[in-house]
Amino acid sequence: LKTEWSEPIADVKDITRASKKAASHVAKLQDSWQHLLRDRATRSLTYNDEQFHILERIKMQEKSKCLSELLNEECQLVII
């Protein structure tokens, strides 16, 4: 019985680090989103602030991409 259980799970990756990485990416996304919302709500933006927002959006896209890759590559076998 033990060998029957150990064979199918031998290919499954350990995803304990993946959850920590995902939490880090999500926290950074939340921080960036809060900066964008706070600046937009308080005042009209200067040119420099607009440029900062463009960079924040790029950072958010990159973090989203990293998070998506993490979920697709490291966690896919575990989900299936």
PDB file of N, CA and C in Angstrom:
ATOM      1  N   LEU A   1       0.827  -1.192   0.000  1.00  0.00           N
ATOM      2  CA  LEU A   1       0.000   0.000   0.000  1.00  0.00           C
ATOM      3  C   LEU A   1       0.874   1.260   0.000  1.00  0.00           C
ATOM      4  N   LYS A   2       1.956   1.193   0.752  1.00  0.00           N
ATOM      5  CA  LYS A   2       2.847   2.351   0.819  1.00  0.00           C
ATOM      6  C   LYS A   2       3.460   2.660  -0.544  1.00  0.00           C
ATOM      7  N   THR A   3       3.865   1.635  -1.287  1.00  0.00           N
ATOM      8  CA  THR A   3       4.449   1.876  -2.615  1.00  0.00           C
ATOM      9  C   THR A   3       3.408   2.408  -3.592  1.00  0.00           C
ATOM     10  N   GLU A   4       2.159   1.973  -3.444  1.00  0.00           N
ATOM     11  CA  GLU A   4       1.100   2.489  -4.313  1.00  0.00           C
ATOM     12  C   GLU A   4       0.900   3.987  -4.107  1.00  0.00           C
ATOM     13  N   TRP A   5       1.042   4.455  -2.893  1.00  0.00           N
ATOM     14  CA  TRP A   5       0.869   5.876  -2.592  1.00  0.00           C
ATOM     15  C   TRP A   5       2.115   6.684  -2.931  1.00  0.00           C
ATOM     16  N   SER A   6       3.282   6.102  -2.753  1.00  0.00           N
ATOM     17  CA  SER A   6       4.511   6.869  -2.965  1.00  0.00           C
ATOM     18  C   SER A   6       4.833   7.071  -4.444  1.00  0.00           C
ATOM     19  N   GLU A   7       4.437   6.156  -5.304  1.00  0.00           N
ATOM     20  CA  GLU A   7       4.732   6.304  -6.732  1.00  0.00           C
ATOM     21  C   GLU A   7       4.023   7.508  -7.366  1.00  0.00           C
ATOM     22  N   PRO A   8       2.715   7.691  -7.184  1.00  0.00           N
ATOM     23  CA  PRO A   8       2.060   8.844  -7.838  1.00  0.00           C
ATOM     24  C   PRO A   8       2.512  10.198  -7.291  1.00  0.00           C
ATOM     25  N   ILE A   9       2.885  10.254  -6.041  1.00  0.00           N
ATOM     26  CA  ILE A   9       3.263  11.553  -5.478  1.00  0.00           C
ATOM     27  C   ILE A   9       4.750  11.852  -5.624  1.00  0.00           C
ATOM     28  N   ALA A  10       5.492  10.957  -6.225  1.00  0.00           N
ATOM     29  CA  ALA A  10       6.930  11.183  -6.393  1.00  0.00           C
ATOM     30  C   ALA A  10       7.199  12.360  -7.335  1.00  0.00           C
ATOM     31  N   ASP A  11       6.316  12.584  -8.324  1.00  0.00           N
ATOM     32  CA  ASP A  11       6.510  13.662  -9.293  1.00  0.00           C
ATOM     33  C   ASP A  11       6.012  15.015  -8.798  1.00  0.00           C
ATOM     34  N   VAL A  12       5.284  15.031  -7.711  1.00  0.00           N
ATOM     35  CA  VAL A  12       4.680  16.268  -7.222  1.00  0.00           C
ATOM     36  C   VAL A  12       5.741  17.132  -6.539  1.00  0.00           C
ATOM     37  N   LYS A  13       5.758  18.413  -6.919  1.00  0.00           N
ATOM     38  CA  LYS A  13       6.734  19.336  -6.342  1.00  0.00           C
ATOM     39  C   LYS A  13       6.282  19.800  -4.965  1.00  0.00           C
ATOM     40  N   ASP A  14       7.239  20.221  -4.184  1.00  0.00           N
ATOM     41  CA  ASP A  14       6.949  20.832  -2.890  1.00  0.00           C
ATOM     42  C   ASP A  14       6.638  22.307  -3.140  1.00  0.00           C
ATOM     43  N   ILE A  15       5.429  22.729  -2.811  1.00  0.00           N
ATOM     44  CA  ILE A  15       5.024  24.101  -3.127  1.00  0.00           C
ATOM     45  C   ILE A  15       5.021  25.016  -1.905  1.00  0.00           C
ATOM     46  N   THR A  16       5.683  24.626  -0.845  1.00  0.00           N
ATOM     47  CA  THR A  16       5.683  25.473   0.346  1.00  0.00           C
ATOM     48  C   THR A  16       6.359  26.817   0.079  1.00  0.00           C
ATOM     49  N   ARG A  17       7.406  26.818  -0.727  1.00  0.00           N
ATOM     50  CA  ARG A  17       8.063  28.082  -1.068  1.00  0.00           C
ATOM     51  C   ARG A  17       7.227  28.892  -2.045  1.00  0.00           C
ATOM     52  N   ALA A  18       6.458  28.212  -2.876  1.00  0.00           N
ATOM     53  CA  ALA A  18       5.640  28.912  -3.869  1.00  0.00           C
ATOM     54  C   ALA A  18       4.599  29.800  -3.200  1.00  0.00           C
ATOM     55  N   SER A  19       4.037  29.338  -2.105  1.00  0.00           N
ATOM     56  CA  SER A  19       3.025  30.157  -1.428  1.00  0.00           C
ATOM     57  C   SER A  19       3.649  31.415  -0.829  1.00  0.00           C
ATOM     58  N   LYS A  20       4.874  31.305  -0.343  1.00  0.00           N
ATOM     59  CA  LYS A  20       5.563  32.486   0.199  1.00  0.00           C
ATOM     60  C   LYS A  20       5.914  33.471  -0.914  1.00  0.00           C
ATOM     61  N   LYS A  21       6.359  32.938  -2.054  1.00  0.00           N
ATOM     62  CA  LYS A  21       6.660  33.802  -3.192  1.00  0.00           C
ATOM     63  C   LYS A  21       5.393  34.500  -3.680  1.00  0.00           C
ATOM     64  N   ALA A  22       4.311  33.748  -3.767  1.00  0.00           N
ATOM     65  CA  ALA A  22       3.044  34.319  -4.228  1.00  0.00           C
ATOM     66  C   ALA A  22       2.567  35.407  -3.274  1.00  0.00           C
ATOM     67  N   ALA A  23       2.694  35.173  -1.990  1.00  0.00           N
ATOM     68  CA  ALA A  23       2.282  36.181  -1.007  1.00  0.00           C
ATOM     69  C   ALA A  23       3.110  37.455  -1.157  1.00  0.00           C
ATOM     70  N   SER A  24       4.388  37.309  -1.444  1.00  0.00           N
ATOM     71  CA  SER A  24       5.253  38.468  -1.649  1.00  0.00           C
ATOM     72  C   SER A  24       4.823  39.258  -2.887  1.00  0.00           C
ATOM     73  N   HIS A  25       4.546  38.551  -3.980  1.00  0.00           N
ATOM     74  CA  HIS A  25       4.096  39.216  -5.206  1.00  0.00           C
ATOM     75  C   HIS A  25       2.766  39.939  -4.986  1.00  0.00           C
ATOM     76  N   VAL A  26       1.854  39.296  -4.290  1.00  0.00           N
ATOM     77  CA  VAL A  26       0.545  39.897  -4.032  1.00  0.00           C
ATOM     78  C   VAL A  26       0.682  41.134  -3.149  1.00  0.00           C
ATOM     79  N   ALA A  27       1.546  41.072  -2.153  1.00  0.00           N
ATOM     80  CA  ALA A  27       1.754  42.233  -1.280  1.00  0.00           C
ATOM     81  C   ALA A  27       2.312  43.420  -2.068  1.00  0.00           C
ATOM     82  N   LYS A  28       3.237  43.156  -2.973  1.00  0.00           N
ATOM     83  CA  LYS A  28       3.797  44.234  -3.790  1.00  0.00           C
ATOM     84  C   LYS A  28       2.747  44.808  -4.738  1.00  0.00           C
ATOM     85  N   LEU A  29       1.900  43.936  -5.285  1.00  0.00           N
ATOM     86  CA  LEU A  29       0.809  44.411  -6.137  1.00  0.00           C
ATOM     87  C   LEU A  29      -0.156  45.295  -5.354  1.00  0.00           C
ATOM     88  N   GLN A  30      -0.467  44.886  -4.148  1.00  0.00           N
ATOM     89  CA  GLN A  30      -1.374  45.679  -3.315  1.00  0.00           C
ATOM     90  C   GLN A  30      -0.776  47.043  -2.987  1.00  0.00           C
ATOM     91  N   ASP A  31       0.507  47.083  -2.668  1.00  0.00           N
ATOM     92  CA  ASP A  31       1.171  48.353  -2.367  1.00  0.00           C
ATOM     93  C   ASP A  31       1.127  49.297  -3.569  1.00  0.00           C
ATOM     94  N   SER A  32       1.446  48.762  -4.734  1.00  0.00           N
ATOM     95  CA  SER A  32       1.426  49.593  -5.938  1.00  0.00           C
ATOM     96  C   SER A  32       0.019  50.104  -6.223  1.00  0.00           C
ATOM     97  N   TRP A  33      -0.960  49.236  -6.086  1.00  0.00           N
ATOM     98  CA  TRP A  33      -2.344  49.622  -6.342  1.00  0.00           C
ATOM     99  C   TRP A  33      -2.793  50.716  -5.372  1.00  0.00           C
ATOM    100  N   GLN A  34      -2.413  50.582  -4.109  1.00  0.00           N
ATOM    101  CA  GLN A  34      -2.791  51.591  -3.121  1.00  0.00           C
ATOM    102  C   GLN A  34      -2.152  52.946  -3.432  1.00  0.00           C
ATOM    103  N   HIS A  35      -0.899  52.940  -3.895  1.00  0.00           N
ATOM    104  CA  HIS A  35      -0.251  54.199  -4.279  1.00  0.00           C
ATOM    105  C   HIS A  35      -1.001  54.864  -5.423  1.00  0.00           C
ATOM    106  N   LEU A  36      -1.381  54.069  -6.412  1.00  0.00           N
ATOM    107  CA  LEU A  36      -2.099  54.628  -7.553  1.00  0.00           C
ATOM    108  C   LEU A  36      -3.445  55.204  -7.135  1.00  0.00           C
ATOM    109  N   LEU A  37      -4.185  54.476  -6.327  1.00  0.00           N
ATOM    110  CA  LEU A  37      -5.498  54.950  -5.888  1.00  0.00           C
ATOM    111  C   LEU A  37      -5.401  56.194  -5.013  1.00  0.00           C
ATOM    112  N   ARG A  38      -4.471  56.197  -4.096  1.00  0.00           N
ATOM    113  CA  ARG A  38      -4.322  57.320  -3.174  1.00  0.00           C
ATOM    114  C   ARG A  38      -3.954  58.603  -3.926  1.00  0.00           C
ATOM    115  N   ASP A  39      -3.022  58.506  -4.859  1.00  0.00           N
ATOM    116  CA  ASP A  39      -2.616  59.688  -5.616  1.00  0.00           C
ATOM    117  C   ASP A  39      -3.756  60.223  -6.473  1.00  0.00           C
ATOM    118  N   ARG A  40      -4.489  59.336  -7.103  1.00  0.00           N
ATOM    119  CA  ARG A  40      -5.600  59.763  -7.962  1.00  0.00           C
ATOM    120  C   ARG A  40      -6.715  60.410  -7.150  1.00  0.00           C
ATOM    121  N   ALA A  41      -6.957  59.919  -5.959  1.00  0.00           N
ATOM    122  CA  ALA A  41      -8.072  60.407  -5.153  1.00  0.00           C
ATOM    123  C   ALA A  41      -7.779  61.759  -4.510  1.00  0.00           C
ATOM    124  N   THR A  42      -6.521  62.055  -4.225  1.00  0.00           N
ATOM    125  CA  THR A  42      -6.208  63.255  -3.453  1.00  0.00           C
ATOM    126  C   THR A  42      -6.050  64.513  -4.300  1.00  0.00           C
ATOM    127  N   ARG A  43      -5.522  64.386  -5.502  1.00  0.00           N
ATOM    128  CA  ARG A  43      -5.242  65.604  -6.273  1.00  0.00           C
ATOM    129  C   ARG A  43      -5.056  65.266  -7.745  1.00  0.00           C
ATOM    130  N   SER A  44      -4.996  66.319  -8.545  1.00  0.00           N
ATOM    131  CA  SER A  44      -4.623  66.103  -9.943  1.00  0.00           C
ATOM    132  C   SER A  44      -3.109  65.890  -9.986  1.00  0.00           C
ATOM    133  N   LEU A  45      -2.683  65.100 -10.917  1.00  0.00           N
ATOM    134  CA  LEU A  45      -1.282  64.680 -10.933  1.00  0.00           C
ATOM    135  C   LEU A  45      -0.417  65.605 -11.785  1.00  0.00           C
ATOM    136  N   THR A  46       0.797  65.816 -11.326  1.00  0.00           N
ATOM    137  CA  THR A  46       1.780  66.564 -12.104  1.00  0.00           C
ATOM    138  C   THR A  46       2.381  65.629 -13.147  1.00  0.00           C
ATOM    139  N   TYR A  47       3.197  66.178 -14.002  1.00  0.00           N
ATOM    140  CA  TYR A  47       3.855  65.367 -15.025  1.00  0.00           C
ATOM    141  C   TYR A  47       4.713  64.276 -14.378  1.00  0.00           C
ATOM    142  N   ASN A  48       5.464  64.635 -13.348  1.00  0.00           N
ATOM    143  CA  ASN A  48       6.313  63.651 -12.665  1.00  0.00           C
ATOM    144  C   ASN A  48       5.476  62.546 -12.028  1.00  0.00           C
ATOM    145  N   ASP A  49       4.345  62.932 -11.435  1.00  0.00           N
ATOM    146  CA  ASP A  49       3.469  61.922 -10.840  1.00  0.00           C
ATOM    147  C   ASP A  49       2.894  60.993 -11.905  1.00  0.00           C
ATOM    148  N   GLU A  50       2.555  61.560 -13.063  1.00  0.00           N
ATOM    149  CA  GLU A  50       2.054  60.728 -14.166  1.00  0.00           C
ATOM    150  C   GLU A  50       3.119  59.722 -14.606  1.00  0.00           C
ATOM    151  N   GLN A  51       4.357  60.168 -14.680  1.00  0.00           N
ATOM    152  CA  GLN A  51       5.447  59.268 -15.055  1.00  0.00           C
ATOM    153  C   GLN A  51       5.647  58.185 -14.002  1.00  0.00           C
ATOM    154  N   PHE A  52       5.525  58.572 -12.751  1.00  0.00           N
ATOM    155  CA  PHE A  52       5.617  57.603 -11.659  1.00  0.00           C
ATOM    156  C   PHE A  52       4.505  56.559 -11.794  1.00  0.00           C
ATOM    157  N   HIS A  53       3.310  56.993 -12.146  1.00  0.00           N
ATOM    158  CA  HIS A  53       2.194  56.064 -12.304  1.00  0.00           C
ATOM    159  C   HIS A  53       2.420  55.104 -13.462  1.00  0.00           C
ATOM    160  N   ILE A  54       3.015  55.602 -14.515  1.00  0.00           N
ATOM    161  CA  ILE A  54       3.333  54.724 -15.643  1.00  0.00           C
ATOM    162  C   ILE A  54       4.311  53.637 -15.194  1.00  0.00           C
ATOM    163  N   LEU A  55       5.330  54.036 -14.434  1.00  0.00           N
ATOM    164  CA  LEU A  55       6.293  53.052 -13.925  1.00  0.00           C
ATOM    165  C   LEU A  55       5.632  52.072 -12.958  1.00  0.00           C
ATOM    166  N   GLU A  56       4.728  52.563 -12.122  1.00  0.00           N
ATOM    167  CA  GLU A  56       4.014  51.680 -11.193  1.00  0.00           C
ATOM    168  C   GLU A  56       3.183  50.653 -11.957  1.00  0.00           C
ATOM    169  N   ARG A  57       2.530  51.094 -13.020  1.00  0.00           N
ATOM    170  CA  ARG A  57       1.736  50.162 -13.830  1.00  0.00           C
ATOM    171  C   ARG A  57       2.621  49.095 -14.458  1.00  0.00           C
ATOM    172  N   ILE A  58       3.786  49.502 -14.930  1.00  0.00           N
ATOM    173  CA  ILE A  58       4.722  48.539 -15.518  1.00  0.00           C
ATOM    174  C   ILE A  58       5.169  47.534 -14.459  1.00  0.00           C
ATOM    175  N   LYS A  59       5.479  48.035 -13.263  1.00  0.00           N
ATOM    176  CA  LYS A  59       5.871  47.134 -12.173  1.00  0.00           C
ATOM    177  C   LYS A  59       4.741  46.168 -11.834  1.00  0.00           C
ATOM    178  N   MET A  60       3.517  46.665 -11.832  1.00  0.00           N
ATOM    179  CA  MET A  60       2.374  45.804 -11.527  1.00  0.00           C
ATOM    180  C   MET A  60       2.196  44.732 -12.603  1.00  0.00           C
ATOM    181  N   GLN A  61       2.399  45.103 -13.860  1.00  0.00           N
ATOM    182  CA  GLN A  61       2.302  44.121 -14.938  1.00  0.00           C
ATOM    183  C   GLN A  61       3.365  43.041 -14.786  1.00  0.00           C
ATOM    184  N   GLU A  62       4.578  43.451 -14.439  1.00  0.00           N
ATOM    185  CA  GLU A  62       5.661  42.481 -14.263  1.00  0.00           C
ATOM    186  C   GLU A  62       5.389  41.546 -13.080  1.00  0.00           C
ATOM    187  N   LYS A  63       4.906  42.102 -11.973  1.00  0.00           N
ATOM    188  CA  LYS A  63       4.597  41.271 -10.806  1.00  0.00           C
ATOM    189  C   LYS A  63       3.454  40.310 -11.121  1.00  0.00           C
ATOM    190  N   SER A  64       2.462  40.782 -11.865  1.00  0.00           N
ATOM    191  CA  SER A  64       1.348  39.919 -12.255  1.00  0.00           C
ATOM    192  C   SER A  64       1.841  38.781 -13.139  1.00  0.00           C
ATOM    193  N   LYS A  65       2.748  39.108 -14.042  1.00  0.00           N
ATOM    194  CA  LYS A  65       3.325  38.101 -14.928  1.00  0.00           C
ATOM    195  C   LYS A  65       4.116  37.068 -14.122  1.00  0.00           C
ATOM    196  N   CYS A  66       4.912  37.537 -13.165  1.00  0.00           N
ATOM    197  CA  CYS A  66       5.684  36.624 -12.309  1.00  0.00           C
ATOM    198  C   CYS A  66       4.760  35.716 -11.507  1.00  0.00           C
ATOM    199  N   LEU A  67       3.691  36.283 -10.986  1.00  0.00           N
ATOM    200  CA  LEU A  67       2.736  35.504 -10.206  1.00  0.00           C
ATOM    201  C   LEU A  67       2.054  34.460 -11.077  1.00  0.00           C
ATOM    202  N   SER A  68       1.681  34.840 -12.274  1.00  0.00           N
ATOM    203  CA  SER A  68       1.051  33.903 -13.203  1.00  0.00           C
ATOM    204  C   SER A  68       2.005  32.767 -13.566  1.00  0.00           C
ATOM    205  N   GLU A  69       3.259  33.099 -13.843  1.00  0.00           N
ATOM    206  CA  GLU A  69       4.251  32.072 -14.161  1.00  0.00           C
ATOM    207  C   GLU A  69       4.478  31.139 -12.978  1.00  0.00           C
ATOM    208  N   LEU A  70       4.514  31.696 -11.797  1.00  0.00           N
ATOM    209  CA  LEU A  70       4.690  30.890 -10.592  1.00  0.00           C
ATOM    210  C   LEU A  70       3.555  29.877 -10.459  1.00  0.00           C
ATOM    211  N   LEU A  71       2.338  30.345 -10.634  1.00  0.00           N
ATOM    212  CA  LEU A  71       1.189  29.450 -10.510  1.00  0.00           C
ATOM    213  C   LEU A  71       1.153  28.416 -11.627  1.00  0.00           C
ATOM    214  N   ASN A  72       1.512  28.814 -12.833  1.00  0.00           N
ATOM    215  CA  ASN A  72       1.474  27.884 -13.961  1.00  0.00           C
ATOM    216  C   ASN A  72       2.591  26.855 -13.925  1.00  0.00           C
ATOM    217  N   GLU A  73       3.784  27.267 -13.523  1.00  0.00           N
ATOM    218  CA  GLU A  73       4.929  26.366 -13.583  1.00  0.00           C
ATOM    219  C   GLU A  73       5.114  25.535 -12.318  1.00  0.00           C
ATOM    220  N   GLU A  74       5.085  26.174 -11.167  1.00  0.00           N
ATOM    221  CA  GLU A  74       5.418  25.462  -9.940  1.00  0.00           C
ATOM    222  C   GLU A  74       4.231  24.753  -9.302  1.00  0.00           C
ATOM    223  N   CYS A  75       3.046  25.232  -9.557  1.00  0.00           N
ATOM    224  CA  CYS A  75       1.889  24.681  -8.849  1.00  0.00           C
ATOM    225  C   CYS A  75       0.973  23.844  -9.727  1.00  0.00           C
ATOM    226  N   GLN A  76       1.231  23.773 -11.006  1.00  0.00           N
ATOM    227  CA  GLN A  76       0.309  23.111 -11.916  1.00  0.00           C
ATOM    228  C   GLN A  76       0.156  21.623 -11.627  1.00  0.00           C
ATOM    229  N   LEU A  77       1.236  20.922 -11.388  1.00  0.00           N
ATOM    230  CA  LEU A  77       1.133  19.487 -11.113  1.00  0.00           C
ATOM    231  C   LEU A  77       0.396  19.208  -9.813  1.00  0.00           C
ATOM    232  N   VAL A  78       0.512  20.101  -8.879  1.00  0.00           N
ATOM    233  CA  VAL A  78      -0.142  19.906  -7.592  1.00  0.00           C
ATOM    234  C   VAL A  78      -1.643  20.110  -7.723  1.00  0.00           C
ATOM    235  N   ILE A  79      -2.052  21.082  -8.531  1.00  0.00           N
ATOM    236  CA  ILE A  79      -3.471  21.370  -8.703  1.00  0.00           C
ATOM    237  C   ILE A  79      -4.168  20.238  -9.433  1.00  0.00           C
ATOM    238  N   ILE A  80      -3.517  19.688 -10.439  1.00  0.00           N
ATOM    239  CA  ILE A  80      -4.111  18.594 -11.212  1.00  0.00           C
ATOM    240  C   ILE A  80      -4.152  17.373 -10.345  1.00  0.00           C
TER     241      ILE A  80
END
